[in-house]
Protein backbone atom coordinates (compact mmCIF):
# COMPACT_ATOMS: atom_id res chain seq x y z
CA MET A 1 -155.46 104.78 63.74
CA ASN A 2 -155.36 108.58 64.04
CA ILE A 3 -158.37 110.08 62.27
CA CYS A 4 -159.57 113.61 61.62
CA VAL A 5 -163.17 114.27 60.62
CA ILE A 6 -163.90 117.70 59.18
CA GLY A 7 -167.55 118.59 59.82
CA THR A 8 -169.82 117.64 62.73
CA GLY A 9 -173.18 117.33 61.02
CA TYR A 10 -175.07 114.04 60.75
CA VAL A 11 -172.39 112.30 58.71
CA GLY A 12 -169.33 113.77 60.41
CA LEU A 13 -170.48 113.37 63.99
CA VAL A 14 -171.76 109.82 63.50
CA THR A 15 -168.64 108.82 61.55
CA GLY A 16 -166.34 110.25 64.21
CA ALA A 17 -168.25 108.68 67.09
CA VAL A 18 -168.34 105.23 65.50
CA PHE A 19 -164.64 105.21 64.54
CA ALA A 20 -163.78 106.24 68.10
CA ASP A 21 -166.02 103.49 69.43
CA LEU A 22 -164.05 101.04 67.31
CA GLY A 23 -160.89 102.05 69.16
CA ASN A 24 -159.44 104.78 66.95
CA ASP A 25 -158.18 108.18 68.09
CA VAL A 26 -160.58 110.65 66.46
CA ILE A 27 -160.54 114.44 66.36
CA CYS A 28 -163.64 116.14 64.94
CA VAL A 29 -163.11 119.65 63.55
CA ASP A 30 -165.77 122.25 62.81
CA ASN A 31 -165.54 126.01 62.26
CA ASP A 32 -168.81 126.52 64.14
CA GLU A 33 -167.45 127.52 67.55
CA LYS A 34 -170.85 127.34 69.25
CA LYS A 35 -171.39 123.78 68.06
CA ILE A 36 -167.94 122.69 69.24
CA GLN A 37 -168.48 124.32 72.62
CA GLY A 38 -171.75 122.44 72.93
CA LEU A 39 -170.20 119.11 71.97
CA ASN A 40 -167.45 119.61 74.54
CA LYS A 41 -170.23 120.04 77.13
CA GLY A 42 -172.09 116.96 75.91
CA ILE A 43 -174.77 118.91 74.01
CA MET A 44 -175.71 117.24 70.74
CA PRO A 45 -176.44 119.50 67.73
CA ILE A 46 -178.80 116.89 66.27
CA TYR A 47 -181.23 114.25 67.51
CA GLU A 48 -180.17 110.73 66.57
CA PRO A 49 -180.99 107.62 68.63
CA GLY A 50 -177.91 106.28 70.45
CA LEU A 51 -175.59 109.07 69.34
CA GLU A 52 -175.44 111.03 72.59
CA GLU A 53 -174.50 107.93 74.58
CA MET A 54 -171.79 106.91 72.10
CA VAL A 55 -170.30 110.41 71.96
CA SER A 56 -170.34 110.74 75.76
CA ARG A 57 -168.65 107.37 76.29
CA ASN A 58 -165.83 107.96 73.82
CA PHE A 59 -165.36 111.58 74.84
CA SER A 60 -164.93 110.58 78.48
CA GLU A 61 -162.45 107.87 77.48
CA GLN A 62 -160.53 110.49 75.44
CA ARG A 63 -160.77 108.68 72.11
CA LEU A 64 -163.02 111.42 70.71
CA THR A 65 -162.24 115.14 70.85
CA PHE A 66 -163.83 118.25 69.34
CA THR A 67 -162.06 121.40 68.22
CA THR A 68 -162.16 124.36 65.84
CA ASP A 69 -158.39 123.97 65.31
CA LEU A 70 -158.03 122.48 61.83
CA GLU A 71 -154.23 122.59 62.00
CA LYS A 72 -154.28 120.33 65.04
CA GLY A 73 -156.68 117.92 63.35
CA VAL A 74 -154.72 117.69 60.12
CA LYS A 75 -151.25 117.36 61.63
CA ARG A 76 -152.07 114.65 64.17
CA SER A 77 -154.00 112.42 61.74
CA ASP A 78 -153.15 109.77 59.17
CA VAL A 79 -156.59 109.74 57.54
CA ILE A 80 -158.71 112.86 57.07
CA PHE A 81 -162.43 112.56 56.31
CA ILE A 82 -164.18 115.48 54.64
CA ALA A 83 -167.76 115.31 55.93
CA VAL A 84 -169.00 118.84 55.37
CA GLY A 85 -172.33 119.97 53.98
CA THR A 86 -172.97 119.90 50.24
CA PRO A 87 -176.20 121.89 49.91
CA PRO A 88 -177.97 122.39 46.60
CA LYS A 89 -177.67 125.55 44.59
CA LYS A 90 -180.85 127.19 43.27
CA ASN A 91 -180.40 125.45 39.93
CA GLY A 92 -180.08 122.00 41.55
CA GLU A 93 -176.30 121.66 41.24
CA THR A 94 -174.28 120.68 44.31
CA ASP A 95 -172.58 123.56 46.10
CA LEU A 96 -169.00 122.47 46.83
CA THR A 97 -168.04 125.63 48.73
CA TYR A 98 -167.51 123.81 52.04
CA VAL A 99 -165.62 120.98 50.37
CA GLU A 100 -163.32 123.53 48.76
CA GLU A 101 -162.78 125.28 52.11
CA ALA A 102 -161.88 121.97 53.74
CA ALA A 103 -159.45 121.10 50.94
CA ARG A 104 -157.76 124.51 51.23
CA GLY A 105 -157.42 124.05 54.98
CA ILE A 106 -155.86 120.61 54.51
CA ALA A 107 -153.46 122.06 51.96
CA LYS A 108 -152.40 124.75 54.40
CA TYR A 109 -151.50 122.34 57.19
CA ILE A 110 -150.58 119.04 55.54
CA ASP A 111 -147.05 118.11 56.66
CA LYS A 112 -146.66 114.46 55.68
CA TYR A 113 -148.39 111.76 53.66
CA LYS A 114 -152.16 111.61 54.34
CA VAL A 115 -155.16 109.84 52.88
CA ILE A 116 -157.91 112.37 52.21
CA VAL A 117 -161.37 110.80 52.14
CA ASN A 118 -164.43 112.41 50.58
CA LYS A 119 -167.26 111.25 52.86
CA SER A 120 -169.64 114.02 51.84
CA THR A 121 -172.08 113.32 49.03
CA VAL A 122 -170.41 114.90 46.02
CA PRO A 123 -170.78 114.72 42.23
CA VAL A 124 -168.53 112.61 40.06
CA GLY A 125 -165.23 114.42 39.54
CA THR A 126 -165.04 115.93 43.02
CA GLY A 127 -162.07 113.74 43.91
CA ASP A 128 -160.12 115.40 41.10
CA PHE A 129 -161.33 118.79 42.34
CA VAL A 130 -160.09 118.18 45.88
CA LYS A 131 -156.75 116.79 44.67
CA GLU A 132 -156.18 119.80 42.44
CA ILE A 133 -156.92 122.27 45.25
CA ILE A 134 -154.55 120.58 47.68
CA ASP A 135 -151.82 120.22 45.05
CA LYS A 136 -151.99 123.90 44.15
CA ASN A 137 -152.15 125.22 47.71
CA LYS A 138 -150.04 122.89 49.88
CA LYS A 139 -147.20 124.60 51.72
CA VAL A 140 -145.03 121.50 52.03
CA ASN A 141 -144.09 119.22 49.13
CA VAL A 142 -145.60 115.99 50.45
CA ASP A 143 -147.54 113.21 48.79
CA PHE A 144 -151.19 112.46 49.53
CA ASP A 145 -154.04 110.48 48.02
CA VAL A 146 -157.73 111.26 47.66
CA VAL A 147 -160.29 108.51 48.19
CA SER A 148 -164.08 108.40 47.77
CA ASN A 149 -165.95 106.63 50.57
CA PRO A 150 -169.63 107.58 50.25
CA GLU A 151 -171.95 107.25 53.24
CA PHE A 152 -175.28 105.42 53.17
CA LEU A 153 -176.73 106.57 56.49
CA ARG A 154 -180.43 106.91 57.17
CA GLU A 155 -181.39 109.54 59.69
CA GLY A 156 -182.99 107.82 62.63
CA SER A 157 -180.81 104.72 62.26
CA ALA A 158 -177.43 106.29 61.48
CA ILE A 159 -175.48 104.47 64.21
CA ARG A 160 -176.77 101.08 63.14
CA ASP A 161 -176.19 101.88 59.46
CA THR A 162 -172.58 102.82 60.18
CA LEU A 163 -171.88 99.71 62.26
CA HIS A 164 -173.86 97.32 60.02
CA PRO A 165 -173.79 98.75 56.49
CA ASP A 166 -175.09 96.73 53.55
CA ARG A 167 -171.78 97.49 51.85
CA ILE A 168 -168.73 99.71 52.19
CA VAL A 169 -167.69 101.44 48.99
CA ILE A 170 -164.06 102.53 48.58
CA GLY A 171 -163.04 104.42 45.46
CA ALA A 172 -159.25 104.67 45.40
CA PRO A 173 -156.51 105.40 42.86
CA THR A 174 -154.61 102.20 43.77
CA LYS A 175 -155.23 99.02 45.77
CA GLN A 176 -152.46 100.04 48.15
CA VAL A 177 -154.35 103.22 49.06
CA ALA A 178 -157.60 101.29 49.34
CA MET A 179 -155.95 99.01 51.90
CA VAL A 180 -155.75 101.91 54.37
CA LEU A 181 -159.56 102.10 54.50
CA LEU A 182 -159.92 98.34 54.31
CA GLU A 183 -157.90 98.14 57.50
CA LEU A 184 -160.00 100.86 59.12
CA TYR A 185 -163.29 99.09 58.33
CA ALA A 186 -162.07 95.50 58.78
CA THR A 187 -163.50 95.10 62.29
CA LEU A 188 -167.04 95.67 60.95
CA GLU A 189 -166.77 92.49 58.84
CA ARG A 190 -169.13 93.84 56.17
CA PRO A 191 -169.03 93.47 52.36
CA MET A 192 -166.56 95.88 50.76
CA ILE A 193 -166.32 96.94 47.14
CA ILE A 194 -163.21 98.61 45.78
CA THR A 195 -163.66 100.76 42.68
CA ASP A 196 -162.10 103.69 40.91
CA ILE A 197 -162.99 107.09 42.39
CA TYR A 198 -165.47 108.06 39.65
CA SER A 199 -167.49 104.88 40.15
CA ALA A 200 -167.62 105.32 43.93
CA GLU A 201 -168.87 108.88 43.52
CA MET A 202 -171.50 107.67 41.06
CA ILE A 203 -172.71 104.80 43.28
CA LYS A 204 -174.04 107.16 45.95
CA TYR A 205 -176.16 109.23 43.55
CA ALA A 206 -177.31 106.21 41.57
CA SER A 207 -178.42 104.46 44.76
CA ASN A 208 -180.41 107.36 46.18
CA SER A 209 -181.93 108.20 42.83
CA PHE A 210 -183.08 104.61 42.35
CA LEU A 211 -184.73 104.62 45.78
CA ALA A 212 -186.45 107.91 44.92
CA LEU A 213 -187.63 106.27 41.70
CA LYS A 214 -189.20 103.41 43.69
CA ILE A 215 -191.03 105.90 45.89
CA SER A 216 -192.40 107.91 42.97
CA PHE A 217 -193.35 104.71 41.16
CA VAL A 218 -195.37 103.27 44.02
CA ASN A 219 -197.02 106.65 44.58
CA SER A 220 -198.09 106.67 40.94
CA VAL A 221 -199.41 103.13 41.38
CA ALA A 222 -201.32 104.36 44.46
CA ASP A 223 -203.02 107.08 42.42
CA LEU A 224 -204.07 104.50 39.86
CA CYS A 225 -205.32 102.20 42.63
CA GLU A 226 -207.65 104.92 43.89
CA ARG A 227 -209.16 105.23 40.41
CA THR A 228 -209.52 101.51 39.79
CA GLY A 229 -210.63 100.34 43.25
CA ALA A 230 -207.45 98.37 43.91
CA ASN A 231 -205.65 98.46 47.28
CA VAL A 232 -202.08 99.75 46.99
CA THR A 233 -201.06 98.01 50.23
CA ASP A 234 -201.83 94.63 48.69
CA VAL A 235 -200.31 95.64 45.35
CA ALA A 236 -197.05 96.79 46.99
CA LYS A 237 -196.87 93.61 49.08
CA GLY A 238 -197.40 91.47 46.00
CA MET A 239 -194.66 93.37 44.20
CA GLY A 240 -192.24 93.44 47.09
CA LEU A 241 -192.28 89.71 47.73
CA ASP A 242 -190.56 89.33 44.37
CA SER A 243 -186.90 89.09 45.37
CA ARG A 244 -185.94 91.09 42.30
CA ILE A 245 -187.96 94.06 43.57
CA GLY A 246 -188.04 93.95 47.38
CA ILE A 247 -190.54 95.59 49.73
CA ASN A 248 -188.33 98.45 50.93
CA PHE A 249 -189.28 101.92 49.65
CA LEU A 250 -192.59 100.66 48.29
CA GLU A 251 -194.61 102.48 50.97
CA PRO A 252 -196.98 104.96 49.30
CA GLY A 253 -197.39 108.35 50.89
CA LEU A 254 -196.59 112.03 50.57
CA GLY A 255 -193.36 111.51 48.66
CA TYR A 256 -189.69 111.68 49.54
CA GLY A 257 -188.13 114.56 51.44
CA GLY A 258 -185.30 115.17 53.86
CA SER A 259 -181.73 116.28 53.37
CA CYS A 260 -180.65 113.65 50.83
CA PHE A 261 -183.09 112.41 48.22
CA PRO A 262 -184.34 115.77 46.86
CA LYS A 263 -180.88 117.30 46.47
CA ASP A 264 -179.20 114.08 45.33
CA VAL A 265 -181.72 113.43 42.56
CA ASP A 266 -181.47 117.04 41.37
CA SER A 267 -177.68 116.87 41.46
CA PHE A 268 -177.65 113.61 39.49
CA ILE A 269 -179.82 115.23 36.83
CA LYS A 270 -177.42 118.20 36.68
CA THR A 271 -174.45 115.86 36.40
CA ALA A 272 -176.15 114.15 33.47
CA GLU A 273 -176.72 117.53 31.82
CA ARG A 274 -173.00 118.35 32.12
CA PHE A 275 -172.34 115.26 30.03
CA SER A 276 -175.21 115.99 27.58
CA PHE A 277 -177.29 113.07 28.82
CA PRO A 278 -181.06 113.67 29.12
CA PHE A 279 -181.96 111.79 32.31
CA ASP A 280 -185.68 111.93 31.53
CA ILE A 281 -186.72 109.13 33.87
CA LEU A 282 -185.30 111.04 36.86
CA LYS A 283 -187.01 114.24 35.75
CA ALA A 284 -190.29 112.32 35.86
CA VAL A 285 -189.44 111.08 39.37
CA VAL A 286 -189.02 114.68 40.53
CA GLU A 287 -192.29 115.79 38.91
CA VAL A 288 -194.28 112.95 40.47
CA ASN A 289 -192.82 113.82 43.86
CA ARG A 290 -193.61 117.51 43.39
CA GLN A 291 -197.29 116.72 42.91
CA ARG A 292 -197.74 114.59 46.06
CA VAL A 293 -198.55 117.31 48.60
CA PRO A 294 -200.68 119.48 46.29
CA ASN A 295 -202.77 116.44 45.36
CA PHE A 296 -203.16 115.45 49.02
CA VAL A 297 -204.12 118.96 50.12
CA ASN A 298 -206.63 119.24 47.25
CA LYS A 299 -208.26 116.01 48.46
CA MET A 300 -208.52 117.49 51.96
CA LYS A 301 -209.97 120.71 50.57
CA GLU A 302 -212.59 118.85 48.56
CA VAL A 303 -213.71 116.81 51.57
CA LEU A 304 -213.79 119.77 53.97
CA GLY A 305 -215.31 122.22 51.52
CA GLY A 306 -212.35 124.59 51.84
CA PHE A 307 -210.05 125.52 54.70
CA LYS A 308 -211.16 129.00 55.70
CA GLY A 309 -212.19 128.95 59.34
CA LYS A 310 -211.24 125.27 59.71
CA THR A 311 -208.88 123.89 62.35
CA ILE A 312 -206.54 121.16 61.13
CA GLY A 313 -204.42 118.94 63.38
CA ILE A 314 -200.99 117.94 62.10
CA LEU A 315 -199.35 114.84 63.58
CA GLY A 316 -195.68 114.67 62.67
CA LEU A 317 -193.36 117.49 61.58
CA SER A 318 -189.99 115.83 60.91
CA PHE A 319 -189.42 114.48 57.42
CA LYS A 320 -189.32 110.93 58.84
CA PRO A 321 -189.56 109.26 62.28
CA ASN A 322 -186.70 109.19 64.80
CA THR A 323 -185.17 112.49 63.73
CA ASP A 324 -185.72 116.18 64.41
CA ASP A 325 -184.71 117.05 60.83
CA ILE A 326 -187.33 119.13 58.99
CA ARG A 327 -185.32 119.79 55.83
CA ASP A 328 -187.72 119.39 52.90
CA ALA A 329 -190.29 117.89 55.29
CA LYS A 330 -193.76 117.47 53.82
CA SER A 331 -195.25 119.00 56.97
CA LEU A 332 -193.80 122.39 56.08
CA GLU A 333 -195.38 122.34 52.64
CA ILE A 334 -198.74 121.24 54.01
CA ILE A 335 -198.75 123.83 56.80
CA ALA A 336 -197.87 126.64 54.39
CA LYS A 337 -200.68 125.69 52.00
CA LEU A 338 -203.27 125.38 54.79
CA LEU A 339 -202.30 128.73 56.32
CA ASP A 340 -202.47 130.43 52.92
CA GLU A 341 -206.08 129.28 52.61
CA GLY A 342 -207.19 130.46 56.04
CA ALA A 343 -206.87 127.34 58.20
CA SER A 344 -205.76 127.27 61.82
CA ILE A 345 -203.11 124.68 62.66
CA ARG A 346 -202.55 122.58 65.78
CA ALA A 347 -199.40 120.45 65.59
CA TYR A 348 -197.38 117.89 67.52
CA ASP A 349 -194.12 116.02 66.94
CA PRO A 350 -192.05 114.12 69.54
CA VAL A 351 -188.79 115.96 68.77
CA ALA A 352 -189.12 118.39 65.84
CA MET A 353 -191.41 121.12 67.21
CA GLU A 354 -188.65 123.57 68.14
CA ASN A 355 -187.14 123.38 64.68
CA THR A 356 -190.57 123.94 63.12
CA ARG A 357 -191.39 126.79 65.48
CA ALA A 358 -188.53 128.79 63.97
CA LEU A 359 -190.37 128.72 60.62
CA PHE A 360 -193.99 128.81 61.81
CA PRO A 361 -194.01 130.60 65.18
CA ASP A 362 -197.74 131.40 65.13
CA ILE A 363 -199.34 127.97 64.83
CA THR A 364 -200.38 126.10 67.99
CA TYR A 365 -197.88 123.52 69.23
CA CYS A 366 -199.33 120.86 71.51
CA ASN A 367 -198.03 118.52 74.19
CA ASN A 368 -199.38 115.35 72.59
CA ALA A 369 -201.62 113.98 69.87
CA TYR A 370 -204.76 114.15 72.00
CA ASN A 371 -204.17 117.83 72.63
CA VAL A 372 -203.78 118.36 68.88
CA ALA A 373 -207.18 116.82 68.13
CA GLU A 374 -209.14 119.15 70.41
CA GLY A 375 -211.69 121.07 68.36
CA CYS A 376 -210.24 119.98 65.01
CA ASP A 377 -212.25 119.63 61.82
CA ALA A 378 -209.72 117.01 60.70
CA VAL A 379 -206.48 115.40 61.82
CA THR A 380 -203.71 114.72 59.31
CA ILE A 381 -200.98 112.09 59.72
CA VAL A 382 -197.82 113.49 58.12
CA THR A 383 -194.97 111.55 59.79
CA GLU A 384 -195.35 107.90 60.75
CA TRP A 385 -194.02 108.08 64.30
CA ARG A 386 -194.60 104.79 66.09
CA GLU A 387 -196.61 106.41 68.89
CA PHE A 388 -199.23 107.61 66.40
CA LYS A 389 -200.00 104.01 65.40
CA PHE A 390 -201.15 103.16 68.91
CA LEU A 391 -203.28 106.17 69.83
CA ASN A 392 -206.61 105.72 71.61
CA LEU A 393 -208.74 106.79 68.68
CA GLU A 394 -211.94 106.72 70.72
CA LYS A 395 -210.39 109.44 72.84
CA ILE A 396 -209.29 111.31 69.70
CA LYS A 397 -212.81 111.14 68.30
CA GLN A 398 -214.39 112.52 71.48
CA VAL A 399 -212.42 115.77 71.35
CA MET A 400 -212.62 116.44 67.60
CA LYS A 401 -215.21 118.74 66.05
CA LYS A 402 -215.53 116.29 63.15
CA PRO A 403 -214.16 112.71 63.14
CA ILE A 404 -212.13 113.00 59.92
CA ILE A 405 -208.61 111.59 59.44
CA PHE A 406 -206.37 112.21 56.44
CA ASP A 407 -203.61 109.61 56.64
CA GLY A 408 -200.64 110.60 54.50
CA ARG A 409 -198.64 107.54 55.57
CA ASN A 410 -201.23 104.71 55.61
CA ILE A 411 -200.53 103.83 59.25
CA TYR A 412 -204.11 102.68 59.97
CA GLN A 413 -206.43 100.01 58.62
CA PRO A 414 -209.38 101.69 56.84
CA GLU A 415 -212.01 99.17 58.01
CA ARG A 416 -211.12 99.66 61.68
CA LYS A 417 -211.40 103.43 61.41
CA LYS A 418 -214.79 103.10 59.77
CA LYS A 419 -216.03 100.88 62.63
CA LEU A 420 -214.87 103.52 65.09
CA GLY A 421 -216.97 106.12 63.29
CA PHE A 422 -214.23 108.00 61.47
CA GLU A 423 -214.33 109.33 57.94
CA TYR A 424 -210.94 108.06 56.86
CA TYR A 425 -208.88 108.97 53.79
CA SER A 426 -205.52 107.37 52.97
CA ILE A 427 -203.18 106.90 50.00
CA GLY A 428 -204.07 104.43 47.25
CA ARG A 429 -206.92 102.82 49.20
CA GLN A 430 -210.64 103.41 48.99
CA LYS A 431 -212.36 105.92 51.30
CA CYS A 432 -213.94 104.51 54.44
């Protein structure tokens, strides 16, 4: 099948690469000339495990091409995916500027029947919005259909999530239109659900908001565990083994961040407001999440007796492991608060240091975790990279000024750290 993907961010680039790998002829279009030039030279704009190899293979076999020429992409394709950014506005609403631009471009060049697929995360009603724009602006009187096909990718495992999704959601105006995407996805042999467009648009926001709710809930339970003497690790395990609940997203920590959950929850709340529905439970989710870093930093401040003149090591800068994405990363919030109160920062992350350096050029970036710990009054675990779980903590202790660890992701066992001579603070578990 001939496919055009508009947008080469996480969703667009992964979607294009996977469809090409499945044997389709895919053209990825982006108006960022520098990004397209880089992709044509094999330079990835993002870090994602397995993506570079997949792009390189399909590019060399000429199933995957990159261009800034939207006319070429639209005219040679049967299915056009809109996978552009949908950033939040200041008030929390979703900014559909890039979606509108893509729809206007499609309208300008559409020359025969096409299926237009909204892959970007967009509020309910966006399918109507895109259809209206194309109808009003198309130069040729041709038919087309708009479909909603939300993505459920997790950064760090985006390739796997695209090839082995839990479900594929197709929101289409008719079953005949839905069959076009059913055919496209058939080789994956995964569960598919066909709905109306409004329901498909709603599923994405409802899913992410529910996961955010689980995170805020277990973090609230963790705070209560600290007050009662309970261990949140055991509590979460006991909850998660109930098949009705499940263990996923019951890991207490510094709260949710990244490019999806914060903006999607805010957008869902704004959608509810448009329909005069007070989504109070989601507002509470946001408030709980907002308090996570301030509460954690206040705990650090209390233990250390303030931050002025102190050196703090930060392990992990990306918002989650296996990505270089620092959008809404908790590390940024922690670093800003520590700097404001006079601390010096030493930091390390396997892949996200260059992105962080653009925001905090004056902190010390280190080659590894052991280098970070040198002369520190405390080390803080912010991102649960696998390599941090297997550090030689005896070596860490030897180079620290004070053997204090603040673990924002509960990657260590408290009793073991105590035996090693560390003062260890985690989330929802008693101090050791």
